[in-house]
PDB file of all heavy atoms in Angstrom:
ATOM      1  N   LEU A   1      -9.675   2.037 -26.130  1.00  0.00           N
ATOM      2  CA  LEU A   1     -10.631   1.702 -25.069  1.00  0.00           C
ATOM      3  C   LEU A   1      -9.989   0.804 -24.042  1.00  0.00           C
ATOM      4  O   LEU A   1     -10.010   1.129 -22.808  1.00  0.00           O
ATOM      5  CB  LEU A   1     -11.863   0.985 -25.724  1.00  0.00           C
ATOM      6  CG  LEU A   1     -12.910   0.517 -24.684  1.00  0.00           C
ATOM      7  CD1 LEU A   1     -13.476   1.746 -23.915  1.00  0.00           C
ATOM      8  CD2 LEU A   1     -14.043  -0.201 -25.397  1.00  0.00           C
ATOM      9  N   GLN A   2      -9.414  -0.297 -24.429  1.00  0.00           N
ATOM     10  CA  GLN A   2      -8.803  -1.197 -23.435  1.00  0.00           C
ATOM     11  C   GLN A   2      -7.615  -0.590 -22.746  1.00  0.00           C
ATOM     12  O   GLN A   2      -7.400  -0.744 -21.518  1.00  0.00           O
ATOM     13  CB  GLN A   2      -8.358  -2.512 -24.082  1.00  0.00           C
ATOM     14  CG  GLN A   2      -9.506  -3.457 -24.400  1.00  0.00           C
ATOM     15  CD  GLN A   2      -9.064  -4.877 -24.594  1.00  0.00           C
ATOM     16  OE1 GLN A   2      -7.884  -5.167 -24.771  1.00  0.00           O
ATOM     17  NE2 GLN A   2      -9.991  -5.810 -24.606  1.00  0.00           N
ATOM     18  N   GLY A   3      -6.809   0.206 -23.484  1.00  0.00           N
ATOM     19  CA  GLY A   3      -5.679   0.878 -22.874  1.00  0.00           C
ATOM     20  C   GLY A   3      -6.118   1.867 -21.822  1.00  0.00           C
ATOM     21  O   GLY A   3      -5.512   2.006 -20.764  1.00  0.00           O
ATOM     22  N   THR A   4      -7.192   2.603 -22.112  1.00  0.00           N
ATOM     23  CA  THR A   4      -7.716   3.582 -21.159  1.00  0.00           C
ATOM     24  C   THR A   4      -8.296   2.875 -19.898  1.00  0.00           C
ATOM     25  O   THR A   4      -8.081   3.316 -18.769  1.00  0.00           O
ATOM     26  CB  THR A   4      -8.873   4.472 -21.769  1.00  0.00           C
ATOM     27  OG1 THR A   4      -8.260   5.128 -22.968  1.00  0.00           O
ATOM     28  CG2 THR A   4      -9.291   5.525 -20.817  1.00  0.00           C
ATOM     29  N   LEU A   5      -9.045   1.800 -20.135  1.00  0.00           N
ATOM     30  CA  LEU A   5      -9.586   1.033 -19.000  1.00  0.00           C
ATOM     31  C   LEU A   5      -8.490   0.473 -18.119  1.00  0.00           C
ATOM     32  O   LEU A   5      -8.557   0.555 -16.907  1.00  0.00           O
ATOM     33  CB  LEU A   5     -10.429  -0.111 -19.519  1.00  0.00           C
ATOM     34  CG  LEU A   5     -11.808   0.268 -20.141  1.00  0.00           C
ATOM     35  CD1 LEU A   5     -12.500  -0.964 -20.669  1.00  0.00           C
ATOM     36  CD2 LEU A   5     -12.706   0.911 -19.051  1.00  0.00           C
ATOM     37  N   MET A   6      -7.402  -0.030 -18.778  1.00  0.00           N
ATOM     38  CA  MET A   6      -6.305  -0.531 -17.981  1.00  0.00           C
ATOM     39  C   MET A   6      -5.568   0.549 -17.246  1.00  0.00           C
ATOM     40  O   MET A   6      -5.078   0.281 -16.113  1.00  0.00           O
ATOM     41  CB  MET A   6      -5.325  -1.285 -18.961  1.00  0.00           C
ATOM     42  CG  MET A   6      -4.275  -2.133 -18.235  1.00  0.00           C
ATOM     43  SD  MET A   6      -5.039  -3.440 -17.280  1.00  0.00           S
ATOM     44  CE  MET A   6      -4.057  -3.369 -15.770  1.00  0.00           C
ATOM     45  N   TRP A   7      -5.502   1.738 -17.875  1.00  0.00           N
ATOM     46  CA  TRP A   7      -4.831   2.858 -17.193  1.00  0.00           C
ATOM     47  C   TRP A   7      -5.658   3.296 -15.933  1.00  0.00           C
ATOM     48  O   TRP A   7      -5.085   3.566 -14.887  1.00  0.00           O
ATOM     49  CB  TRP A   7      -4.688   4.043 -18.137  1.00  0.00           C
ATOM     50  CG  TRP A   7      -4.211   5.290 -17.531  1.00  0.00           C
ATOM     51  CD1 TRP A   7      -4.842   6.538 -17.528  1.00  0.00           C
ATOM     52  CD2 TRP A   7      -2.960   5.510 -16.822  1.00  0.00           C
ATOM     53  NE1 TRP A   7      -4.058   7.451 -16.884  1.00  0.00           N
ATOM     54  CE2 TRP A   7      -2.899   6.863 -16.420  1.00  0.00           C
ATOM     55  CE3 TRP A   7      -1.905   4.639 -16.494  1.00  0.00           C
ATOM     56  CZ2 TRP A   7      -1.851   7.382 -15.718  1.00  0.00           C
ATOM     57  CZ3 TRP A   7      -0.858   5.225 -15.743  1.00  0.00           C
ATOM     58  CH2 TRP A   7      -0.811   6.524 -15.405  1.00  0.00           C
ATOM     59  N   ILE A   8      -6.995   3.318 -16.066  1.00  0.00           N
ATOM     60  CA  ILE A   8      -7.829   3.693 -14.928  1.00  0.00           C
ATOM     61  C   ILE A   8      -7.634   2.641 -13.831  1.00  0.00           C
ATOM     62  O   ILE A   8      -7.616   2.978 -12.647  1.00  0.00           O
ATOM     63  CB  ILE A   8      -9.308   3.793 -15.358  1.00  0.00           C
ATOM     64  CG1 ILE A   8      -9.530   4.979 -16.305  1.00  0.00           C
ATOM     65  CG2 ILE A   8     -10.235   3.915 -14.185  1.00  0.00           C
ATOM     66  CD1 ILE A   8     -10.862   5.040 -16.979  1.00  0.00           C
ATOM     67  N   LEU A   9      -7.639   1.387 -14.210  1.00  0.00           N
ATOM     68  CA  LEU A   9      -7.444   0.286 -13.263  1.00  0.00           C
ATOM     69  C   LEU A   9      -6.062   0.407 -12.591  1.00  0.00           C
ATOM     70  O   LEU A   9      -5.924   0.204 -11.390  1.00  0.00           O
ATOM     71  CB  LEU A   9      -7.562  -1.071 -13.930  1.00  0.00           C
ATOM     72  CG  LEU A   9      -7.350  -2.331 -13.036  1.00  0.00           C
ATOM     73  CD1 LEU A   9      -8.426  -2.281 -11.918  1.00  0.00           C
ATOM     74  CD2 LEU A   9      -7.468  -3.597 -13.845  1.00  0.00           C
ATOM     75  N   THR A  10      -5.053   0.819 -13.364  1.00  0.00           N
ATOM     76  CA  THR A  10      -3.690   0.978 -12.833  1.00  0.00           C
ATOM     77  C   THR A  10      -3.683   2.047 -11.757  1.00  0.00           C
ATOM     78  O   THR A  10      -3.102   1.869 -10.655  1.00  0.00           O
ATOM     79  CB  THR A  10      -2.736   1.324 -13.950  1.00  0.00           C
ATOM     80  OG1 THR A  10      -2.688   0.263 -14.929  1.00  0.00           O
ATOM     81  CG2 THR A  10      -1.322   1.573 -13.403  1.00  0.00           C
ATOM     82  N   VAL A  11      -4.322   3.181 -12.023  1.00  0.00           N
ATOM     83  CA  VAL A  11      -4.371   4.263 -11.066  1.00  0.00           C
ATOM     84  C   VAL A  11      -5.122   3.800  -9.810  1.00  0.00           C
ATOM     85  O   VAL A  11      -4.694   4.175  -8.711  1.00  0.00           O
ATOM     86  CB  VAL A  11      -5.065   5.480 -11.710  1.00  0.00           C
ATOM     87  CG1 VAL A  11      -5.328   6.588 -10.700  1.00  0.00           C
ATOM     88  CG2 VAL A  11      -4.275   6.041 -12.896  1.00  0.00           C
ATOM     89  N   GLY A  12      -6.221   3.063 -10.020  1.00  0.00           N
ATOM     90  CA  GLY A  12      -6.930   2.525  -8.879  1.00  0.00           C
ATOM     91  C   GLY A  12      -6.089   1.557  -7.994  1.00  0.00           C
ATOM     92  O   GLY A  12      -6.162   1.673  -6.752  1.00  0.00           O
ATOM     93  N   ILE A  13      -5.327   0.694  -8.643  1.00  0.00           N
ATOM     94  CA  ILE A  13      -4.461  -0.236  -7.915  1.00  0.00           C
ATOM     95  C   ILE A  13      -3.413   0.579  -7.114  1.00  0.00           C
ATOM     96  O   ILE A  13      -3.222   0.285  -5.955  1.00  0.00           O
ATOM     97  CB  ILE A  13      -3.795  -1.154  -8.899  1.00  0.00           C
ATOM     98  CG1 ILE A  13      -4.789  -2.205  -9.491  1.00  0.00           C
ATOM     99  CG2 ILE A  13      -2.663  -1.935  -8.196  1.00  0.00           C
ATOM    100  CD1 ILE A  13      -4.292  -3.070 -10.530  1.00  0.00           C
ATOM    101  N   ILE A  14      -2.822   1.601  -7.782  1.00  0.00           N
ATOM    102  CA  ILE A  14      -1.795   2.395  -7.094  1.00  0.00           C
ATOM    103  C   ILE A  14      -2.443   3.115  -5.886  1.00  0.00           C
ATOM    104  O   ILE A  14      -1.813   3.157  -4.775  1.00  0.00           O
ATOM    105  CB  ILE A  14      -1.184   3.410  -8.035  1.00  0.00           C
ATOM    106  CG1 ILE A  14      -0.420   2.687  -9.138  1.00  0.00           C
ATOM    107  CG2 ILE A  14      -0.286   4.391  -7.271  1.00  0.00           C
ATOM    108  CD1 ILE A  14       0.139   3.592 -10.230  1.00  0.00           C
ATOM    109  N   TYR A  15      -3.624   3.650  -6.071  1.00  0.00           N
ATOM    110  CA  TYR A  15      -4.275   4.328  -4.973  1.00  0.00           C
ATOM    111  C   TYR A  15      -4.560   3.458  -3.806  1.00  0.00           C
ATOM    112  O   TYR A  15      -4.311   3.816  -2.673  1.00  0.00           O
ATOM    113  CB  TYR A  15      -5.543   4.998  -5.514  1.00  0.00           C
ATOM    114  CG  TYR A  15      -6.384   5.755  -4.491  1.00  0.00           C
ATOM    115  CD1 TYR A  15      -5.946   6.980  -3.956  1.00  0.00           C
ATOM    116  CD2 TYR A  15      -7.590   5.214  -4.009  1.00  0.00           C
ATOM    117  CE1 TYR A  15      -6.720   7.639  -3.033  1.00  0.00           C
ATOM    118  CE2 TYR A  15      -8.327   5.880  -3.061  1.00  0.00           C
ATOM    119  CZ  TYR A  15      -7.873   7.059  -2.523  1.00  0.00           C
ATOM    120  OH  TYR A  15      -8.630   7.699  -1.615  1.00  0.00           O
ATOM    121  N   LEU A  16      -5.167   2.290  -4.119  1.00  0.00           N
ATOM    122  CA  LEU A  16      -5.506   1.367  -3.017  1.00  0.00           C
ATOM    123  C   LEU A  16      -4.274   0.843  -2.271  1.00  0.00           C
ATOM    124  O   LEU A  16      -4.279   0.753  -1.043  1.00  0.00           O
ATOM    125  CB  LEU A  16      -6.296   0.227  -3.568  1.00  0.00           C
ATOM    126  CG  LEU A  16      -7.728   0.561  -4.098  1.00  0.00           C
ATOM    127  CD1 LEU A  16      -8.434  -0.648  -4.705  1.00  0.00           C
ATOM    128  CD2 LEU A  16      -8.589   1.091  -2.921  1.00  0.00           C
ATOM    129  N   LEU A  17      -3.236   0.500  -3.057  1.00  0.00           N
ATOM    130  CA  LEU A  17      -2.041   0.021  -2.387  1.00  0.00           C
ATOM    131  C   LEU A  17      -1.372   1.083  -1.531  1.00  0.00           C
ATOM    132  O   LEU A  17      -0.846   0.859  -0.447  1.00  0.00           O
ATOM    133  CB  LEU A  17      -1.030  -0.495  -3.438  1.00  0.00           C
ATOM    134  CG  LEU A  17      -1.373  -1.804  -4.160  1.00  0.00           C
ATOM    135  CD1 LEU A  17      -0.399  -2.063  -5.283  1.00  0.00           C
ATOM    136  CD2 LEU A  17      -1.396  -2.940  -3.206  1.00  0.00           C
ATOM    137  N   THR A  18      -1.434   2.323  -1.993  1.00  0.00           N
ATOM    138  CA  THR A  18      -0.870   3.435  -1.218  1.00  0.00           C
ATOM    139  C   THR A  18      -1.623   3.642   0.090  1.00  0.00           C
ATOM    140  O   THR A  18      -1.005   3.773   1.175  1.00  0.00           O
ATOM    141  CB  THR A  18      -0.958   4.769  -2.038  1.00  0.00           C
ATOM    142  OG1 THR A  18      -0.241   4.632  -3.257  1.00  0.00           O
ATOM    143  CG2 THR A  18      -0.425   5.936  -1.259  1.00  0.00           C
ATOM    144  N   LEU A  19      -2.970   3.546   0.046  1.00  0.00           N
ATOM    145  CA  LEU A  19      -3.776   3.612   1.267  1.00  0.00           C
ATOM    146  C   LEU A  19      -3.433   2.491   2.216  1.00  0.00           C
ATOM    147  O   LEU A  19      -3.337   2.694   3.446  1.00  0.00           O
ATOM    148  CB  LEU A  19      -5.252   3.539   0.927  1.00  0.00           C
ATOM    149  CG  LEU A  19      -5.885   4.809   0.230  1.00  0.00           C
ATOM    150  CD1 LEU A  19      -7.335   4.575  -0.046  1.00  0.00           C
ATOM    151  CD2 LEU A  19      -5.641   6.067   1.072  1.00  0.00           C
ATOM    152  N   PHE A  20      -3.242   1.263   1.649  1.00  0.00           N
ATOM    153  CA  PHE A  20      -2.935   0.128   2.501  1.00  0.00           C
ATOM    154  C   PHE A  20      -1.594   0.335   3.206  1.00  0.00           C
ATOM    155  O   PHE A  20      -1.506   0.101   4.419  1.00  0.00           O
ATOM    156  CB  PHE A  20      -2.906  -1.157   1.591  1.00  0.00           C
ATOM    157  CG  PHE A  20      -3.026  -2.420   2.329  1.00  0.00           C
ATOM    158  CD1 PHE A  20      -3.212  -3.605   1.654  1.00  0.00           C
ATOM    159  CD2 PHE A  20      -2.965  -2.495   3.719  1.00  0.00           C
ATOM    160  CE1 PHE A  20      -3.361  -4.830   2.298  1.00  0.00           C
ATOM    161  CE2 PHE A  20      -3.096  -3.668   4.423  1.00  0.00           C
ATOM    162  CZ  PHE A  20      -3.272  -4.869   3.713  1.00  0.00           C
ATOM    163  N   TRP A  21      -0.585   0.734   2.449  1.00  0.00           N
ATOM    164  CA  TRP A  21       0.738   0.951   3.077  1.00  0.00           C
ATOM    165  C   TRP A  21       0.722   2.129   4.079  1.00  0.00           C
ATOM    166  O   TRP A  21       1.401   2.052   5.102  1.00  0.00           O
ATOM    167  CB  TRP A  21       1.753   1.174   1.989  1.00  0.00           C
ATOM    168  CG  TRP A  21       2.221  -0.117   1.331  1.00  0.00           C
ATOM    169  CD1 TRP A  21       1.872  -0.571   0.123  1.00  0.00           C
ATOM    170  CD2 TRP A  21       3.122  -1.076   1.893  1.00  0.00           C
ATOM    171  NE1 TRP A  21       2.487  -1.770  -0.133  1.00  0.00           N
ATOM    172  CE2 TRP A  21       3.250  -2.072   0.933  1.00  0.00           C
ATOM    173  CE3 TRP A  21       3.776  -1.199   3.099  1.00  0.00           C
ATOM    174  CZ2 TRP A  21       4.031  -3.220   1.144  1.00  0.00           C
ATOM    175  CZ3 TRP A  21       4.602  -2.337   3.295  1.00  0.00           C
ATOM    176  CH2 TRP A  21       4.738  -3.323   2.337  1.00  0.00           C
ATOM    177  N   GLN A  22      -0.014   3.147   3.815  1.00  0.00           N
ATOM    178  CA  GLN A  22      -0.139   4.286   4.711  1.00  0.00           C
ATOM    179  C   GLN A  22      -0.777   3.835   6.025  1.00  0.00           C
ATOM    180  O   GLN A  22      -0.365   4.259   7.109  1.00  0.00           O
ATOM    181  CB  GLN A  22      -0.947   5.416   4.061  1.00  0.00           C
ATOM    182  CG  GLN A  22      -0.194   6.230   3.021  1.00  0.00           C
ATOM    183  CD  GLN A  22      -1.053   7.326   2.424  1.00  0.00           C
ATOM    184  OE1 GLN A  22      -2.261   7.318   2.556  1.00  0.00           O
ATOM    185  NE2 GLN A  22      -0.375   8.294   1.808  1.00  0.00           N
ATOM    186  N   ASN A  23      -1.816   2.974   5.881  1.00  0.00           N
ATOM    187  CA  ASN A  23      -2.476   2.458   7.106  1.00  0.00           C
ATOM    188  C   ASN A  23      -1.507   1.646   7.941  1.00  0.00           C
ATOM    189  O   ASN A  23      -1.517   1.712   9.170  1.00  0.00           O
ATOM    190  CB  ASN A  23      -3.723   1.640   6.664  1.00  0.00           C
ATOM    191  CG  ASN A  23      -4.411   1.050   7.848  1.00  0.00           C
ATOM    192  OD1 ASN A  23      -4.229  -0.083   8.246  1.00  0.00           O
ATOM    193  ND2 ASN A  23      -5.282   1.865   8.403  1.00  0.00           N
ATOM    194  N   LEU A  24      -0.683   0.841   7.284  1.00  0.00           N
ATOM    195  CA  LEU A  24       0.328   0.031   7.955  1.00  0.00           C
ATOM    196  C   LEU A  24       1.301   0.928   8.695  1.00  0.00           C
ATOM    197  O   LEU A  24       1.697   0.712   9.840  1.00  0.00           O
ATOM    198  CB  LEU A  24       1.017  -0.917   7.020  1.00  0.00           C
ATOM    199  CG  LEU A  24       0.307  -2.191   6.592  1.00  0.00           C
ATOM    200  CD1 LEU A  24       1.105  -2.974   5.538  1.00  0.00           C
ATOM    201  CD2 LEU A  24       0.047  -3.065   7.796  1.00  0.00           C
ATOM    202  N   ALA A  25       1.726   2.003   7.964  1.00  0.00           N
ATOM    203  CA  ALA A  25       2.737   2.850   8.579  1.00  0.00           C
ATOM    204  C   ALA A  25       2.195   3.612   9.783  1.00  0.00           C
ATOM    205  O   ALA A  25       2.865   3.864  10.767  1.00  0.00           O
ATOM    206  CB  ALA A  25       3.207   3.903   7.554  1.00  0.00           C
ATOM    207  N   GLN A  26       0.941   4.008   9.680  1.00  0.00           N
ATOM    208  CA  GLN A  26       0.278   4.750  10.816  1.00  0.00           C
ATOM    209  C   GLN A  26       0.141   3.851  12.059  1.00  0.00           C
ATOM    210  O   GLN A  26       0.144   4.357  13.181  1.00  0.00           O
ATOM    211  CB  GLN A  26      -1.102   5.200  10.382  1.00  0.00           C
ATOM    212  CG  GLN A  26      -1.070   6.395   9.389  1.00  0.00           C
ATOM    213  CD  GLN A  26      -2.430   6.767   8.844  1.00  0.00           C
ATOM    214  OE1 GLN A  26      -3.431   6.094   9.172  1.00  0.00           O
ATOM    215  NE2 GLN A  26      -2.479   7.758   8.034  1.00  0.00           N
ATOM    216  N   ASN A  27       0.066   2.557  11.795  1.00  0.00           N
ATOM    217  CA  ASN A  27      -0.002   1.621  12.928  1.00  0.00           C
ATOM    218  C   ASN A  27       1.328   0.993  13.260  1.00  0.00           C
ATOM    219  O   ASN A  27       1.388  -0.057  13.922  1.00  0.00           O
ATOM    220  CB  ASN A  27      -1.043   0.509  12.595  1.00  0.00           C
ATOM    221  CG  ASN A  27      -2.446   1.074  12.581  1.00  0.00           C
ATOM    222  OD1 ASN A  27      -3.063   1.273  13.619  1.00  0.00           O
ATOM    223  ND2 ASN A  27      -2.985   1.223  11.347  1.00  0.00           N
ATOM    224  N   ASP A  28       2.442   1.638  12.796  1.00  0.00           N
ATOM    225  CA  ASP A  28       3.792   1.194  13.015  1.00  0.00           C
ATOM    226  C   ASP A  28       4.032  -0.226  12.612  1.00  0.00           C
ATOM    227  O   ASP A  28       4.790  -1.012  13.273  1.00  0.00           O
ATOM    228  CB  ASP A  28       4.109   1.366  14.531  1.00  0.00           C
ATOM    229  CG  ASP A  28       4.075   2.785  14.986  1.00  0.00           C
ATOM    230  OD1 ASP A  28       4.466   3.689  14.168  1.00  0.00           O
ATOM    231  OD2 ASP A  28       3.593   3.031  16.094  1.00  0.00           O
ATOM    232  N   PHE A  29       3.379  -0.706  11.541  1.00  0.00           N
ATOM    233  CA  PHE A  29       3.584  -2.059  10.973  1.00  0.00           C
ATOM    234  C   PHE A  29       3.398  -3.071  12.044  1.00  0.00           C
ATOM    235  O   PHE A  29       4.245  -3.984  12.214  1.00  0.00           O
ATOM    236  CB  PHE A  29       4.981  -2.124  10.319  1.00  0.00           C
ATOM    237  CG  PHE A  29       5.161  -1.154   9.180  1.00  0.00           C
ATOM    238  CD1 PHE A  29       5.827   0.032   9.380  1.00  0.00           C
ATOM    239  CD2 PHE A  29       4.662  -1.434   7.910  1.00  0.00           C
ATOM    240  CE1 PHE A  29       5.989   0.938   8.313  1.00  0.00           C
ATOM    241  CE2 PHE A  29       4.815  -0.547   6.885  1.00  0.00           C
ATOM    242  CZ  PHE A  29       5.520   0.674   7.077  1.00  0.00           C
ATOM    243  N   ASP A  30       2.299  -2.942  12.836  1.00  0.00           N
ATOM    244  CA  ASP A  30       2.151  -3.798  14.006  1.00  0.00           C
ATOM    245  C   ASP A  30       1.662  -5.205  13.654  1.00  0.00           C
ATOM    246  O   ASP A  30       1.708  -6.087  14.479  1.00  0.00           O
ATOM    247  CB  ASP A  30       1.147  -3.184  14.974  1.00  0.00           C
ATOM    248  CG  ASP A  30      -0.224  -2.897  14.269  1.00  0.00           C
ATOM    249  OD1 ASP A  30      -0.276  -2.935  13.028  1.00  0.00           O
ATOM    250  OD2 ASP A  30      -1.186  -2.598  15.007  1.00  0.00           O
ATOM    251  N   SER A  31       1.194  -5.440  12.415  1.00  0.00           N
ATOM    252  CA  SER A  31       0.700  -6.796  12.029  1.00  0.00           C
ATOM    253  C   SER A  31       1.564  -7.396  10.970  1.00  0.00           C
ATOM    254  O   SER A  31       1.659  -6.921   9.849  1.00  0.00           O
ATOM    255  CB  SER A  31      -0.776  -6.626  11.521  1.00  0.00           C
ATOM    256  OG  SER A  31      -1.226  -7.874  10.992  1.00  0.00           O
ATOM    257  N   PHE A  32       2.211  -8.478  11.367  1.00  0.00           N
ATOM    258  CA  PHE A  32       3.043  -9.230  10.446  1.00  0.00           C
ATOM    259  C   PHE A  32       2.211  -9.780   9.254  1.00  0.00           C
ATOM    260  O   PHE A  32       2.688  -9.740   8.109  1.00  0.00           O
ATOM    261  CB  PHE A  32       3.752 -10.370  11.162  1.00  0.00           C
ATOM    262  CG  PHE A  32       4.636 -11.193  10.264  1.00  0.00           C
ATOM    263  CD1 PHE A  32       5.885 -10.716   9.871  1.00  0.00           C
ATOM    264  CD2 PHE A  32       4.243 -12.416   9.801  1.00  0.00           C
ATOM    265  CE1 PHE A  32       6.748 -11.453   9.015  1.00  0.00           C
ATOM    266  CE2 PHE A  32       5.097 -13.193   8.969  1.00  0.00           C
ATOM    267  CZ  PHE A  32       6.345 -12.658   8.583  1.00  0.00           C
ATOM    268  N   PHE A  33       1.012 -10.206   9.538  1.00  0.00           N
ATOM    269  CA  PHE A  33       0.171 -10.803   8.484  1.00  0.00           C
ATOM    270  C   PHE A  33      -0.171  -9.702   7.470  1.00  0.00           C
ATOM    271  O   PHE A  33      -0.146  -9.935   6.270  1.00  0.00           O
ATOM    272  CB  PHE A  33      -1.106 -11.357   9.113  1.00  0.00           C
ATOM    273  CG  PHE A  33      -2.151 -11.723   8.134  1.00  0.00           C
ATOM    274  CD1 PHE A  33      -2.082 -12.841   7.353  1.00  0.00           C
ATOM    275  CD2 PHE A  33      -3.268 -10.867   7.861  1.00  0.00           C
ATOM    276  CE1 PHE A  33      -2.993 -13.236   6.379  1.00  0.00           C
ATOM    277  CE2 PHE A  33      -4.214 -11.207   6.887  1.00  0.00           C
ATOM    278  CZ  PHE A  33      -4.074 -12.395   6.184  1.00  0.00           C
ATOM    279  N   LYS A  34      -0.476  -8.512   7.930  1.00  0.00           N
ATOM    280  CA  LYS A  34      -0.807  -7.387   7.024  1.00  0.00           C
ATOM    281  C   LYS A  34       0.396  -6.999   6.174  1.00  0.00           C
ATOM    282  O   LYS A  34       0.232  -6.590   5.002  1.00  0.00           O
ATOM    283  CB  LYS A  34      -1.364  -6.209   7.784  1.00  0.00           C
ATOM    284  CG  LYS A  34      -2.742  -6.373   8.369  1.00  0.00           C
ATOM    285  CD  LYS A  34      -3.240  -5.155   9.038  1.00  0.00           C
ATOM    286  CE  LYS A  34      -4.668  -5.302   9.589  1.00  0.00           C
ATOM    287  NZ  LYS A  34      -5.159  -4.094  10.270  1.00  0.00           N
ATOM    288  N   ILE A  35       1.575  -7.042   6.785  1.00  0.00           N
ATOM    289  CA  ILE A  35       2.795  -6.710   6.020  1.00  0.00           C
ATOM    290  C   ILE A  35       2.982  -7.683   4.853  1.00  0.00           C
ATOM    291  O   ILE A  35       3.269  -7.279   3.725  1.00  0.00           O
ATOM    292  CB  ILE A  35       4.015  -6.696   6.921  1.00  0.00           C
ATOM    293  CG1 ILE A  35       3.874  -5.560   7.968  1.00  0.00           C
ATOM    294  CG2 ILE A  35       5.303  -6.485   6.087  1.00  0.00           C
ATOM    295  CD1 ILE A  35       4.961  -5.578   9.054  1.00  0.00           C
TER     296      ILE A  35
END
């Protein structure tokens, strides 16, 4: 149970971080604070 919950959370973290970095890349890393 806990391993599966942690795995789902891990996938969620990877997905959100990927979106965040993609958004930065699309904006040419224009914000130092966001980086």
